N, C-alpha and C. Protein backbone atom coordinates (compact mmCIF):
# COMPACT_ATOMS: atom_id res chain seq x y z
N MET A 1 118.83 114.39 -55.40
CA MET A 1 117.52 114.56 -54.81
C MET A 1 116.98 113.20 -54.41
N ASN A 2 116.11 113.18 -53.42
CA ASN A 2 115.68 111.89 -52.89
C ASN A 2 114.67 111.17 -53.78
N LYS A 3 114.21 111.82 -54.84
CA LYS A 3 113.26 111.17 -55.72
C LYS A 3 113.89 110.69 -57.01
N ARG A 4 115.20 110.76 -57.10
CA ARG A 4 115.86 110.33 -58.33
C ARG A 4 115.68 108.83 -58.48
N GLN A 5 115.33 108.40 -59.64
CA GLN A 5 115.12 106.98 -59.88
C GLN A 5 115.31 106.68 -61.35
N PHE A 6 115.54 105.43 -61.65
CA PHE A 6 115.63 105.03 -63.04
C PHE A 6 114.23 104.94 -63.61
N LEU A 7 113.99 105.56 -64.77
CA LEU A 7 112.69 105.48 -65.40
C LEU A 7 112.75 104.39 -66.46
N THR A 8 111.91 103.38 -66.27
CA THR A 8 111.92 102.27 -67.20
C THR A 8 110.65 102.21 -68.03
N SER A 9 109.85 103.24 -67.92
CA SER A 9 108.58 103.25 -68.64
C SER A 9 108.81 103.10 -70.14
N ALA A 10 108.13 102.13 -70.73
CA ALA A 10 108.28 101.92 -72.17
C ALA A 10 107.80 103.13 -72.95
N ALA A 11 106.78 103.82 -72.42
CA ALA A 11 106.28 104.99 -73.12
C ALA A 11 107.34 106.08 -73.17
N LEU A 12 108.03 106.30 -72.06
CA LEU A 12 109.07 107.32 -72.02
C LEU A 12 110.20 106.96 -72.97
N LEU A 13 110.62 105.71 -72.93
CA LEU A 13 111.73 105.30 -73.78
C LEU A 13 111.36 105.35 -75.25
N SER A 14 110.14 104.97 -75.58
CA SER A 14 109.77 105.01 -76.99
C SER A 14 109.62 106.44 -77.47
N ALA A 15 109.15 107.33 -76.59
CA ALA A 15 109.06 108.73 -76.98
C ALA A 15 110.43 109.34 -77.13
N ALA A 16 111.38 108.84 -76.34
CA ALA A 16 112.72 109.41 -76.36
C ALA A 16 113.58 108.84 -77.47
N ALA A 17 113.20 107.71 -78.03
CA ALA A 17 114.08 107.03 -79.00
C ALA A 17 113.92 107.63 -80.39
N ALA A 18 115.05 107.85 -81.03
CA ALA A 18 115.07 108.25 -82.43
C ALA A 18 115.48 107.03 -83.23
N PRO A 19 115.35 107.07 -84.55
CA PRO A 19 115.81 105.93 -85.33
C PRO A 19 117.25 105.62 -85.00
N ALA A 20 117.56 104.36 -84.81
CA ALA A 20 118.88 103.98 -84.31
C ALA A 20 119.99 104.20 -85.31
N PHE A 21 119.80 103.85 -86.55
CA PHE A 21 120.90 103.93 -87.50
C PHE A 21 120.40 104.39 -88.86
N GLY A 22 121.13 105.29 -89.50
CA GLY A 22 120.78 105.74 -90.83
C GLY A 22 121.28 104.75 -91.87
N SER A 23 120.70 104.79 -93.05
CA SER A 23 121.09 103.83 -94.08
C SER A 23 122.35 104.25 -94.82
N LYS A 24 122.66 105.55 -94.81
CA LYS A 24 123.90 105.99 -95.45
C LYS A 24 124.53 107.10 -94.63
N PRO A 25 125.84 107.27 -94.74
CA PRO A 25 126.51 108.29 -93.94
C PRO A 25 126.00 109.69 -94.30
N LYS A 26 125.91 110.54 -93.29
CA LYS A 26 125.47 111.91 -93.50
C LYS A 26 126.62 112.85 -93.20
N ARG A 27 126.57 114.00 -93.84
CA ARG A 27 127.60 115.00 -93.61
C ARG A 27 127.24 115.81 -92.37
N HIS A 28 128.21 116.03 -91.50
CA HIS A 28 127.96 116.76 -90.26
C HIS A 28 128.87 117.96 -90.15
N GLU A 29 128.45 118.91 -89.30
CA GLU A 29 129.33 120.03 -88.96
C GLU A 29 130.56 119.46 -88.27
N ALA A 30 131.54 120.31 -88.07
CA ALA A 30 132.74 119.88 -87.34
C ALA A 30 132.35 119.46 -85.93
N CYS A 31 132.95 118.38 -85.48
CA CYS A 31 132.68 117.91 -84.11
C CYS A 31 133.20 118.93 -83.11
N ALA A 32 132.74 118.81 -81.89
CA ALA A 32 133.17 119.71 -80.82
C ALA A 32 134.69 119.66 -80.71
N ALA A 33 135.29 120.82 -80.41
CA ALA A 33 136.75 120.93 -80.35
C ALA A 33 137.33 120.39 -79.05
N SER A 34 136.53 120.32 -78.02
CA SER A 34 136.98 119.79 -76.73
C SER A 34 135.97 118.74 -76.28
N PRO A 35 136.23 118.06 -75.17
CA PRO A 35 135.34 116.95 -74.79
C PRO A 35 133.86 117.36 -74.70
N VAL A 36 133.03 116.50 -75.25
CA VAL A 36 131.58 116.73 -75.23
C VAL A 36 131.06 116.50 -73.82
N VAL A 37 130.25 117.46 -73.34
CA VAL A 37 129.65 117.32 -72.01
C VAL A 37 128.14 117.13 -72.09
N LEU A 38 127.55 117.38 -73.27
CA LEU A 38 126.11 117.24 -73.45
C LEU A 38 125.84 116.78 -74.89
N THR A 39 125.11 115.69 -75.03
CA THR A 39 124.72 115.19 -76.34
C THR A 39 123.23 115.46 -76.53
N ILE A 40 122.89 116.08 -77.66
CA ILE A 40 121.49 116.40 -77.95
C ILE A 40 121.07 115.62 -79.19
N THR A 41 119.95 114.91 -79.07
CA THR A 41 119.48 114.05 -80.14
C THR A 41 118.00 114.30 -80.44
N GLY A 42 117.53 113.69 -81.52
CA GLY A 42 116.11 113.75 -81.84
C GLY A 42 115.80 114.78 -82.90
N ALA A 43 114.72 115.52 -82.70
CA ALA A 43 114.19 116.44 -83.71
C ALA A 43 114.97 117.76 -83.69
N ILE A 44 116.22 117.70 -84.13
CA ILE A 44 117.05 118.89 -84.22
C ILE A 44 117.58 119.00 -85.65
N LYS A 45 117.87 120.23 -86.08
CA LYS A 45 118.30 120.45 -87.46
C LYS A 45 119.81 120.42 -87.63
N ARG A 46 120.56 120.67 -86.57
CA ARG A 46 122.02 120.70 -86.67
C ARG A 46 122.61 119.44 -86.03
N HIS A 47 123.66 118.93 -86.65
CA HIS A 47 124.32 117.72 -86.15
C HIS A 47 125.82 117.86 -86.36
N ASN A 48 126.60 117.32 -85.43
CA ASN A 48 128.06 117.32 -85.63
C ASN A 48 128.68 115.96 -85.31
N ARG A 49 127.82 114.96 -85.21
CA ARG A 49 128.32 113.59 -85.04
C ARG A 49 127.31 112.60 -85.60
N GLY A 50 127.78 111.39 -85.82
CA GLY A 50 126.94 110.35 -86.38
C GLY A 50 126.21 109.54 -85.33
N ALA A 51 125.91 108.30 -85.70
CA ALA A 51 125.07 107.41 -84.89
C ALA A 51 125.75 106.97 -83.60
N LEU A 52 124.92 106.54 -82.67
CA LEU A 52 125.38 105.93 -81.44
C LEU A 52 126.32 104.77 -81.75
N ASP A 53 127.42 104.73 -81.06
CA ASP A 53 128.36 103.62 -81.16
C ASP A 53 128.34 102.89 -79.82
N PRO A 54 127.65 101.75 -79.73
CA PRO A 54 127.49 101.07 -78.44
C PRO A 54 128.81 100.75 -77.76
N ALA A 55 129.88 100.57 -78.54
CA ALA A 55 131.18 100.24 -77.94
C ALA A 55 131.80 101.43 -77.22
N PHE A 56 131.56 102.64 -77.75
CA PHE A 56 132.22 103.82 -77.18
C PHE A 56 131.26 104.80 -76.52
N ASP A 57 129.96 104.69 -76.82
CA ASP A 57 128.96 105.52 -76.16
C ASP A 57 128.29 104.70 -75.06
N GLN A 58 129.11 104.18 -74.17
CA GLN A 58 128.64 103.21 -73.18
C GLN A 58 127.50 103.71 -72.31
N LEU A 59 127.60 104.93 -71.80
CA LEU A 59 126.57 105.43 -70.89
C LEU A 59 125.26 105.64 -71.64
N LEU A 60 125.34 106.23 -72.82
CA LEU A 60 124.13 106.41 -73.63
C LEU A 60 123.48 105.07 -73.94
N ALA A 61 124.27 104.09 -74.31
CA ALA A 61 123.73 102.76 -74.62
C ALA A 61 123.11 102.13 -73.39
N LYS A 62 123.77 102.28 -72.25
CA LYS A 62 123.24 101.71 -71.01
C LYS A 62 121.90 102.31 -70.65
N HIS A 63 121.72 103.59 -70.95
CA HIS A 63 120.45 104.27 -70.66
C HIS A 63 119.46 104.15 -71.81
N GLN A 64 119.75 103.24 -72.75
CA GLN A 64 118.86 102.90 -73.86
C GLN A 64 118.55 104.08 -74.77
N VAL A 65 119.52 104.98 -74.91
CA VAL A 65 119.39 106.09 -75.86
C VAL A 65 119.80 105.58 -77.23
N LYS A 66 119.05 105.94 -78.26
CA LYS A 66 119.37 105.53 -79.63
C LYS A 66 119.26 106.74 -80.55
N PHE A 67 120.18 106.84 -81.49
CA PHE A 67 120.11 107.94 -82.45
C PHE A 67 120.97 107.63 -83.66
N SER A 68 120.61 108.25 -84.79
CA SER A 68 121.37 108.09 -86.02
C SER A 68 122.34 109.25 -86.22
N GLU A 69 122.08 110.38 -85.59
CA GLU A 69 122.98 111.53 -85.59
C GLU A 69 122.63 112.39 -84.39
N ALA A 70 123.56 113.27 -84.02
CA ALA A 70 123.37 114.04 -82.79
C ALA A 70 124.22 115.30 -82.85
N TYR A 71 124.08 116.14 -81.84
CA TYR A 71 124.94 117.31 -81.69
C TYR A 71 125.65 117.20 -80.35
N GLY A 72 126.99 117.22 -80.39
CA GLY A 72 127.80 117.16 -79.19
C GLY A 72 128.20 118.56 -78.76
N VAL A 73 127.82 118.93 -77.55
CA VAL A 73 128.08 120.27 -77.00
C VAL A 73 129.28 120.20 -76.07
N ASP A 74 130.22 121.14 -76.22
CA ASP A 74 131.35 121.19 -75.30
C ASP A 74 131.26 122.45 -74.42
N PHE A 75 132.16 122.56 -73.43
CA PHE A 75 132.13 123.70 -72.53
C PHE A 75 132.36 125.03 -73.24
N PRO A 76 133.31 125.12 -74.20
CA PRO A 76 133.49 126.41 -74.87
C PRO A 76 132.21 126.92 -75.54
N MET A 77 131.41 126.00 -76.11
CA MET A 77 130.16 126.44 -76.71
C MET A 77 129.22 127.01 -75.66
N LEU A 78 129.09 126.32 -74.53
CA LEU A 78 128.21 126.81 -73.47
C LEU A 78 128.73 128.13 -72.90
N ALA A 79 130.05 128.22 -72.73
CA ALA A 79 130.65 129.44 -72.17
C ALA A 79 130.50 130.62 -73.12
N GLY A 80 130.37 130.35 -74.42
CA GLY A 80 130.22 131.41 -75.40
C GLY A 80 128.81 131.96 -75.50
N MET A 81 127.87 131.34 -74.82
CA MET A 81 126.48 131.82 -74.83
C MET A 81 126.26 132.79 -73.67
N PRO A 82 125.31 133.72 -73.82
CA PRO A 82 125.02 134.63 -72.70
C PRO A 82 124.63 133.83 -71.46
N ALA A 83 125.23 134.17 -70.33
CA ALA A 83 124.95 133.45 -69.08
C ALA A 83 123.84 134.14 -68.29
N VAL A 84 123.04 133.32 -67.65
CA VAL A 84 121.99 133.80 -66.75
C VAL A 84 122.34 133.31 -65.36
N THR A 85 122.13 134.16 -64.36
CA THR A 85 122.44 133.80 -62.98
C THR A 85 121.15 133.71 -62.17
N ILE A 86 121.01 132.64 -61.41
CA ILE A 86 119.86 132.45 -60.52
C ILE A 86 120.38 132.12 -59.12
N LYS A 87 119.51 132.30 -58.12
CA LYS A 87 119.93 132.04 -56.74
C LYS A 87 118.86 131.23 -56.00
N PRO A 88 118.67 129.98 -56.43
CA PRO A 88 117.65 129.16 -55.77
C PRO A 88 118.13 128.60 -54.43
N THR A 89 117.18 128.31 -53.57
CA THR A 89 117.47 127.55 -52.36
C THR A 89 117.45 126.08 -52.76
N THR A 90 118.56 125.38 -52.59
CA THR A 90 118.62 123.99 -53.04
C THR A 90 118.13 123.04 -51.96
N GLU A 91 117.66 121.91 -52.41
CA GLU A 91 117.11 120.92 -51.47
C GLU A 91 118.19 120.19 -50.69
N TYR A 92 119.43 120.24 -51.16
CA TYR A 92 120.48 119.44 -50.55
C TYR A 92 120.97 119.99 -49.23
N ASP A 93 121.03 121.31 -49.13
CA ASP A 93 121.50 121.90 -47.87
C ASP A 93 120.60 123.03 -47.39
N SER A 94 119.46 123.23 -48.06
CA SER A 94 118.49 124.26 -47.69
C SER A 94 119.10 125.66 -47.66
N ARG A 95 120.09 125.88 -48.51
CA ARG A 95 120.73 127.19 -48.60
C ARG A 95 120.64 127.72 -50.01
N GLN A 96 120.71 129.05 -50.12
CA GLN A 96 120.73 129.68 -51.44
C GLN A 96 122.12 129.53 -52.05
N HIS A 97 122.14 129.19 -53.34
CA HIS A 97 123.40 129.10 -54.08
C HIS A 97 123.25 129.87 -55.39
N THR A 98 124.35 130.42 -55.84
CA THR A 98 124.37 131.14 -57.11
C THR A 98 124.75 130.18 -58.22
N LEU A 99 123.84 129.99 -59.16
CA LEU A 99 124.06 129.10 -60.30
C LEU A 99 124.04 129.93 -61.57
N SER A 100 124.94 129.63 -62.50
CA SER A 100 124.96 130.39 -63.75
C SER A 100 125.25 129.49 -64.93
N GLY A 101 124.71 129.90 -66.07
CA GLY A 101 124.88 129.18 -67.32
C GLY A 101 123.87 129.69 -68.33
N PRO A 102 123.95 129.22 -69.56
CA PRO A 102 123.01 129.70 -70.58
C PRO A 102 121.60 129.16 -70.36
N LEU A 103 120.65 129.89 -70.91
CA LEU A 103 119.28 129.39 -70.91
C LEU A 103 119.21 128.11 -71.72
N LEU A 104 118.45 127.15 -71.25
CA LEU A 104 118.26 125.91 -72.00
C LEU A 104 117.61 126.20 -73.35
N THR A 105 116.73 127.18 -73.41
CA THR A 105 116.11 127.52 -74.69
C THR A 105 117.15 128.00 -75.70
N ASP A 106 118.20 128.70 -75.25
CA ASP A 106 119.26 129.14 -76.16
C ASP A 106 120.05 127.95 -76.70
N VAL A 107 120.30 126.98 -75.83
CA VAL A 107 121.01 125.77 -76.27
C VAL A 107 120.17 125.02 -77.30
N LEU A 108 118.88 124.89 -77.04
CA LEU A 108 117.99 124.20 -77.97
C LEU A 108 117.88 124.95 -79.29
N GLU A 109 117.83 126.26 -79.22
CA GLU A 109 117.77 127.06 -80.45
C GLU A 109 119.05 126.86 -81.28
N HIS A 110 120.20 126.77 -80.61
CA HIS A 110 121.47 126.60 -81.30
C HIS A 110 121.49 125.32 -82.15
N VAL A 111 120.86 124.27 -81.66
CA VAL A 111 120.87 123.00 -82.40
C VAL A 111 119.68 122.84 -83.33
N GLY A 112 118.83 123.88 -83.41
CA GLY A 112 117.71 123.82 -84.34
C GLY A 112 116.56 122.96 -83.87
N ALA A 113 116.27 123.02 -82.57
CA ALA A 113 115.12 122.27 -82.04
C ALA A 113 113.82 122.96 -82.45
N PRO A 114 112.73 122.21 -82.54
CA PRO A 114 111.43 122.82 -82.85
C PRO A 114 111.07 123.88 -81.81
N THR A 115 110.27 124.86 -82.22
CA THR A 115 109.92 125.94 -81.31
C THR A 115 108.52 125.81 -80.72
N ALA A 116 107.77 124.80 -81.14
CA ALA A 116 106.41 124.61 -80.61
C ALA A 116 106.47 124.29 -79.12
N GLY A 117 105.58 124.90 -78.36
CA GLY A 117 105.58 124.70 -76.92
C GLY A 117 105.35 123.27 -76.49
N SER A 118 104.69 122.48 -77.35
CA SER A 118 104.40 121.08 -77.00
C SER A 118 105.60 120.16 -77.25
N THR A 119 106.69 120.69 -77.82
CA THR A 119 107.89 119.88 -78.05
C THR A 119 108.32 119.23 -76.74
N GLN A 120 108.59 117.94 -76.78
CA GLN A 120 108.97 117.21 -75.57
C GLN A 120 110.49 117.15 -75.43
N ILE A 121 110.94 117.36 -74.22
CA ILE A 121 112.36 117.33 -73.90
C ILE A 121 112.56 116.28 -72.81
N VAL A 122 113.36 115.25 -73.10
CA VAL A 122 113.74 114.28 -72.08
C VAL A 122 115.17 114.59 -71.68
N MET A 123 115.39 114.75 -70.38
CA MET A 123 116.72 115.06 -69.86
C MET A 123 117.25 113.85 -69.10
N HIS A 124 118.45 113.39 -69.47
CA HIS A 124 119.08 112.26 -68.82
C HIS A 124 120.27 112.72 -67.97
N ALA A 125 120.36 112.18 -66.78
CA ALA A 125 121.48 112.46 -65.89
C ALA A 125 122.40 111.24 -65.84
N VAL A 126 123.63 111.47 -65.41
CA VAL A 126 124.61 110.39 -65.43
C VAL A 126 124.24 109.22 -64.52
N ASP A 127 123.43 109.46 -63.50
CA ASP A 127 123.06 108.37 -62.60
C ASP A 127 121.85 107.58 -63.08
N GLY A 128 121.32 107.93 -64.28
CA GLY A 128 120.18 107.20 -64.82
C GLY A 128 118.86 107.91 -64.63
N TYR A 129 118.85 108.98 -63.83
CA TYR A 129 117.61 109.75 -63.66
C TYR A 129 117.22 110.35 -65.00
N ALA A 130 115.95 110.25 -65.36
CA ALA A 130 115.45 110.85 -66.59
C ALA A 130 114.10 111.48 -66.32
N ILE A 131 113.88 112.62 -66.92
CA ILE A 131 112.61 113.31 -66.72
C ILE A 131 112.17 113.93 -68.04
N MET A 132 110.88 113.87 -68.31
CA MET A 132 110.34 114.47 -69.53
C MET A 132 109.58 115.74 -69.17
N THR A 133 109.78 116.77 -69.97
CA THR A 133 109.01 118.00 -69.81
C THR A 133 108.72 118.55 -71.21
N THR A 134 108.15 119.73 -71.27
CA THR A 134 107.85 120.34 -72.56
C THR A 134 108.61 121.65 -72.70
N LEU A 135 108.71 122.10 -73.94
CA LEU A 135 109.38 123.38 -74.19
C LEU A 135 108.63 124.51 -73.51
N ASP A 136 107.31 124.44 -73.43
CA ASP A 136 106.54 125.45 -72.71
C ASP A 136 107.00 125.56 -71.26
N LYS A 137 107.20 124.42 -70.62
CA LYS A 137 107.64 124.41 -69.21
C LYS A 137 109.07 124.93 -69.10
N VAL A 138 109.93 124.54 -70.03
CA VAL A 138 111.32 125.02 -70.03
C VAL A 138 111.34 126.55 -70.13
N ARG A 139 110.48 127.10 -70.96
CA ARG A 139 110.40 128.56 -71.09
C ARG A 139 109.82 129.20 -69.83
N ALA A 140 108.72 128.64 -69.34
CA ALA A 140 108.04 129.23 -68.18
C ALA A 140 108.95 129.24 -66.95
N TYR A 141 109.71 128.18 -66.75
CA TYR A 141 110.59 128.09 -65.57
C TYR A 141 111.95 128.76 -65.81
N ARG A 142 112.21 129.17 -67.05
CA ARG A 142 113.51 129.76 -67.41
C ARG A 142 114.67 128.87 -66.97
N PHE A 143 114.58 127.62 -67.42
CA PHE A 143 115.64 126.65 -67.15
C PHE A 143 116.97 127.21 -67.63
N ILE A 144 118.02 126.96 -66.86
CA ILE A 144 119.37 127.20 -67.34
C ILE A 144 120.13 125.87 -67.35
N VAL A 145 121.17 125.84 -68.17
CA VAL A 145 122.12 124.73 -68.10
C VAL A 145 123.27 125.26 -67.26
N ALA A 146 123.18 125.05 -65.96
CA ALA A 146 124.18 125.62 -65.05
C ALA A 146 125.52 124.93 -65.24
N THR A 147 126.55 125.75 -65.36
CA THR A 147 127.92 125.24 -65.48
C THR A 147 128.76 125.64 -64.26
N GLN A 148 128.24 126.59 -63.48
CA GLN A 148 128.97 127.06 -62.29
C GLN A 148 128.02 127.19 -61.11
N MET A 149 128.55 126.92 -59.92
CA MET A 149 127.83 127.14 -58.68
C MET A 149 128.73 127.93 -57.75
N ASP A 150 128.21 129.04 -57.27
CA ASP A 150 128.96 129.92 -56.37
C ASP A 150 130.31 130.31 -56.97
N GLY A 151 130.29 130.56 -58.28
CA GLY A 151 131.47 131.05 -58.98
C GLY A 151 132.50 130.00 -59.35
N LYS A 152 132.18 128.72 -59.16
CA LYS A 152 133.14 127.66 -59.48
C LYS A 152 132.49 126.61 -60.37
N PRO A 153 133.29 125.99 -61.25
CA PRO A 153 132.75 124.87 -62.05
C PRO A 153 132.28 123.75 -61.13
N MET A 154 131.22 123.06 -61.55
CA MET A 154 130.68 121.95 -60.74
C MET A 154 131.33 120.65 -61.20
N PRO A 155 131.92 119.89 -60.29
CA PRO A 155 132.63 118.67 -60.70
C PRO A 155 131.71 117.49 -61.00
N LEU A 156 132.18 116.64 -61.90
CA LEU A 156 131.55 115.35 -62.11
C LEU A 156 131.74 114.56 -60.82
N GLY A 157 130.69 113.93 -60.36
CA GLY A 157 130.75 113.25 -59.06
C GLY A 157 130.09 114.09 -57.98
N GLY A 158 129.87 115.37 -58.28
CA GLY A 158 129.08 116.24 -57.42
C GLY A 158 127.73 116.40 -58.09
N VAL A 159 127.34 117.66 -58.35
CA VAL A 159 126.09 117.89 -59.07
C VAL A 159 126.35 118.34 -60.50
N GLY A 160 127.58 118.24 -60.95
CA GLY A 160 127.95 118.71 -62.28
C GLY A 160 128.35 117.57 -63.18
N PRO A 161 129.00 117.93 -64.28
CA PRO A 161 129.43 119.30 -64.60
C PRO A 161 128.31 120.20 -65.12
N LEU A 162 127.15 119.63 -65.46
CA LEU A 162 126.01 120.43 -65.90
C LEU A 162 124.79 120.12 -65.05
N TRP A 163 123.99 121.13 -64.80
CA TRP A 163 122.78 120.96 -64.01
C TRP A 163 121.67 121.73 -64.69
N ALA A 164 120.65 121.04 -65.18
CA ALA A 164 119.47 121.71 -65.76
C ALA A 164 118.57 122.11 -64.61
N THR A 165 118.46 123.42 -64.37
CA THR A 165 117.73 123.85 -63.19
C THR A 165 117.09 125.21 -63.40
N TYR A 166 116.40 125.68 -62.36
CA TYR A 166 115.61 126.90 -62.42
C TYR A 166 115.54 127.49 -61.02
N ASP A 167 115.06 128.72 -60.91
CA ASP A 167 114.96 129.39 -59.61
C ASP A 167 113.60 129.11 -59.00
N ALA A 168 113.47 127.97 -58.34
CA ALA A 168 112.18 127.55 -57.79
C ALA A 168 111.63 128.54 -56.77
N ASP A 169 112.51 129.30 -56.11
CA ASP A 169 112.06 130.29 -55.12
C ASP A 169 111.15 131.34 -55.77
N ASN A 170 111.34 131.58 -57.07
CA ASN A 170 110.60 132.63 -57.76
C ASN A 170 109.58 132.10 -58.76
N ILE A 171 109.21 130.84 -58.61
CA ILE A 171 108.16 130.24 -59.45
C ILE A 171 106.99 129.92 -58.53
N PRO A 172 105.89 130.70 -58.62
CA PRO A 172 104.79 130.55 -57.66
C PRO A 172 104.29 129.12 -57.46
N GLU A 173 104.17 128.34 -58.53
CA GLU A 173 103.64 126.99 -58.37
C GLU A 173 104.61 126.04 -57.66
N LEU A 174 105.87 126.46 -57.51
CA LEU A 174 106.87 125.65 -56.82
C LEU A 174 107.26 126.20 -55.46
N SER A 175 107.26 127.51 -55.31
CA SER A 175 107.81 128.11 -54.09
C SER A 175 107.03 127.75 -52.82
N ASN A 176 105.77 127.35 -52.96
CA ASN A 176 104.98 126.96 -51.79
C ASN A 176 105.08 125.48 -51.46
N LYS A 177 105.77 124.73 -52.32
CA LYS A 177 105.95 123.30 -52.06
C LYS A 177 107.09 123.09 -51.08
N PRO A 178 107.12 121.94 -50.40
CA PRO A 178 108.29 121.61 -49.58
C PRO A 178 109.53 121.59 -50.47
N LEU A 179 110.65 121.98 -49.92
CA LEU A 179 111.89 122.11 -50.69
C LEU A 179 112.21 120.83 -51.47
N LYS A 180 111.99 119.67 -50.86
CA LYS A 180 112.33 118.40 -51.50
C LYS A 180 111.48 118.10 -52.72
N ASP A 181 110.36 118.82 -52.90
CA ASP A 181 109.46 118.57 -54.02
C ASP A 181 109.57 119.61 -55.14
N ARG A 182 110.51 120.53 -55.03
CA ARG A 182 110.59 121.62 -56.00
C ARG A 182 111.44 121.32 -57.23
N PHE A 183 112.26 120.28 -57.17
CA PHE A 183 113.28 120.10 -58.20
C PHE A 183 113.17 118.77 -58.96
N GLU A 184 111.97 118.23 -59.08
CA GLU A 184 111.81 116.96 -59.79
C GLU A 184 112.16 117.09 -61.27
N LEU A 185 112.03 118.29 -61.84
CA LEU A 185 112.35 118.52 -63.26
C LEU A 185 113.79 118.98 -63.45
N SER A 186 114.61 118.88 -62.42
CA SER A 186 115.94 119.50 -62.42
C SER A 186 117.05 118.46 -62.25
N PRO A 187 117.47 117.81 -63.34
CA PRO A 187 118.51 116.78 -63.20
C PRO A 187 119.93 117.36 -63.12
N TRP A 188 120.62 117.03 -62.03
CA TRP A 188 122.05 117.35 -61.98
C TRP A 188 122.80 116.23 -62.69
N GLY A 189 124.03 116.52 -63.08
CA GLY A 189 124.78 115.53 -63.86
C GLY A 189 124.17 115.33 -65.23
N LEU A 190 123.54 116.38 -65.78
CA LEU A 190 122.90 116.30 -67.09
C LEU A 190 123.94 115.97 -68.16
N TYR A 191 123.63 115.00 -69.02
CA TYR A 191 124.57 114.69 -70.09
C TYR A 191 123.89 114.41 -71.44
N HIS A 192 122.55 114.31 -71.44
CA HIS A 192 121.86 114.01 -72.70
C HIS A 192 120.49 114.68 -72.70
N LEU A 193 120.13 115.25 -73.86
CA LEU A 193 118.79 115.78 -74.11
C LEU A 193 118.23 115.09 -75.34
N GLN A 194 117.01 114.60 -75.23
CA GLN A 194 116.31 114.03 -76.38
C GLN A 194 115.14 114.95 -76.71
N VAL A 195 115.07 115.43 -77.93
CA VAL A 195 114.03 116.36 -78.36
C VAL A 195 113.07 115.60 -79.26
N THR A 196 111.77 115.68 -78.95
CA THR A 196 110.75 115.00 -79.74
C THR A 196 109.65 115.99 -80.11
N GLU A 197 109.36 116.08 -81.40
CA GLU A 197 108.29 116.96 -81.86
C GLU A 197 106.96 116.31 -81.53
N ALA A 198 106.14 117.01 -80.77
CA ALA A 198 104.85 116.43 -80.34
C ALA A 198 103.79 116.67 -81.40
């Protein structure tokens, strides 16, 4: 999208940052069985990995993400959740596309995120785009974590492999806006979610 930009606001980063390192090792669930495509950090109850490793978590470190533990989500986990299909008109080609994947609220529930509507969600994309929203907005827009477009997986280097998005055509407060202004809360190339209890 033409409004993608690096967010360097100290307020956003401080809201998104969790304590960097724990004082003692913690026990975690089994790590993801296949490559992790989404890391979720912050105010969540379930974890399957430890602290950020700056040497090997290069992209997270570059985007100034910090955490003492996290949950790594792989494709089989996402594929095992009920899929929702939407058909928004995208800003890139002004055409309707079929996008499918689990509801973002289901993914957040799986990791034990807070349920209060004021809970803040920061979404990071691989290109550095970051946007903050609330759980109320995620519910109202019925965000999905899209894993497929037009029946095919979305490649890294395109708009995938994950796209946090919604059907803007059917959201009254968005459908009357110019197409280029409907998807500011919709990061393609999603790879990290930071959850903060407000």
